[in-house]
Amino acid sequence: MKLEIITPETTLFNAEVTLVQLPGKSGSFEIMHNHAPMIATLKKGKIKIVDPDKNIRYLEINGGTLQVQNNKILILAD
């Protein structure tokens, strides 16, 4: 899957991933390959990113919006 995380100032992340765990307004959730299309609101917290080599990375956000469609994840972060 392709993950892109952008803020009004810069692109924080843009690469292939196998799993993304996100801080949703209603609780934490994960996105994996072939996830159904969705739009969600994110709260302040950490995004867990797992790349194809199983490396794990965390990014802190202050909230934002998520869009998932056709194995592309776009996060507009605050």
Protein backbone atom coordinates (compact mmCIF):
# COMPACT_ATOMS: atom_id res chain seq x y z
CA MET A 1 0.00 0.00 0.00
CA LYS A 2 1.08 3.57 -0.55
CA LEU A 3 0.98 5.87 2.51
CA GLU A 4 1.27 9.63 2.29
CA ILE A 5 1.13 11.85 5.37
CA ILE A 6 1.08 15.57 4.71
CA THR A 7 0.72 18.73 6.80
CA PRO A 8 0.09 22.28 5.59
CA GLU A 9 3.88 22.83 5.74
CA THR A 10 5.44 19.60 4.44
CA THR A 11 5.19 15.92 3.53
CA LEU A 12 6.00 13.84 6.63
CA PHE A 13 5.95 10.42 4.98
CA ASN A 14 5.54 9.01 1.46
CA ALA A 15 6.37 5.31 0.94
CA GLU A 16 5.07 1.76 0.67
CA VAL A 17 3.77 0.15 3.87
CA THR A 18 2.17 -3.12 4.96
CA LEU A 19 0.26 -1.87 8.02
CA VAL A 20 -0.75 1.45 9.53
CA GLN A 21 -2.22 1.81 13.04
CA LEU A 22 -4.03 5.09 13.66
CA PRO A 23 -5.52 7.06 16.58
CA GLY A 24 -9.16 7.40 15.49
CA LYS A 25 -11.68 9.63 17.26
CA SER A 26 -13.56 6.49 18.37
CA GLY A 27 -10.45 4.43 19.14
CA SER A 28 -7.34 2.96 17.57
CA PHE A 29 -7.68 1.04 14.29
CA GLU A 30 -5.45 -0.54 11.64
CA ILE A 31 -5.35 -0.38 7.84
CA MET A 32 -3.95 -3.34 5.91
CA HIS A 33 -3.75 -4.31 2.21
CA ASN A 34 -7.09 -4.23 0.35
CA HIS A 35 -8.90 -2.34 3.12
CA ALA A 36 -12.36 -1.07 2.21
CA PRO A 37 -12.57 2.58 1.14
CA MET A 38 -13.10 4.91 4.09
CA ILE A 39 -12.77 8.42 5.46
CA ALA A 40 -12.07 8.93 9.17
CA THR A 41 -11.22 11.66 11.63
CA LEU A 42 -8.02 11.23 13.64
CA LYS A 43 -7.22 12.52 17.12
CA LYS A 44 -3.89 13.49 18.65
CA GLY A 45 -1.61 10.47 19.00
CA LYS A 46 0.95 8.23 17.35
CA ILE A 47 0.71 6.64 13.93
CA LYS A 48 2.41 3.23 13.81
CA ILE A 49 3.86 2.43 10.37
CA VAL A 50 5.16 -1.02 9.37
CA ASP A 51 7.13 -1.13 6.11
CA PRO A 52 7.56 -4.17 3.81
CA ASP A 53 10.83 -5.09 5.63
CA LYS A 54 8.92 -5.22 8.96
CA ASN A 55 10.61 -2.05 10.25
CA ILE A 56 8.36 -0.08 12.61
CA ARG A 57 8.22 3.71 12.74
CA TYR A 58 6.06 6.05 14.81
CA LEU A 59 4.92 9.56 13.87
CA GLU A 60 3.15 11.92 16.28
CA ILE A 61 0.19 13.93 14.95
CA ASN A 62 -2.15 16.47 16.53
CA GLY A 63 -5.17 15.10 14.67
CA GLY A 64 -6.31 15.09 11.08
CA THR A 65 -8.29 13.32 8.39
CA LEU A 66 -7.71 9.94 6.72
CA GLN A 67 -8.77 8.71 3.29
CA VAL A 68 -8.30 5.10 2.13
CA GLN A 69 -9.02 4.07 -1.45
CA ASN A 70 -7.50 1.48 -3.82
CA ASN A 71 -4.58 0.65 -1.45
CA LYS A 72 -3.66 4.32 -1.16
CA ILE A 73 -3.77 5.98 2.25
CA LEU A 74 -3.75 9.76 2.50
CA ILE A 75 -3.51 11.47 5.89
CA LEU A 76 -3.98 15.22 6.13
CA ALA A 77 -2.40 15.87 9.53
CA ASP A 78 -2.67 18.94 11.74
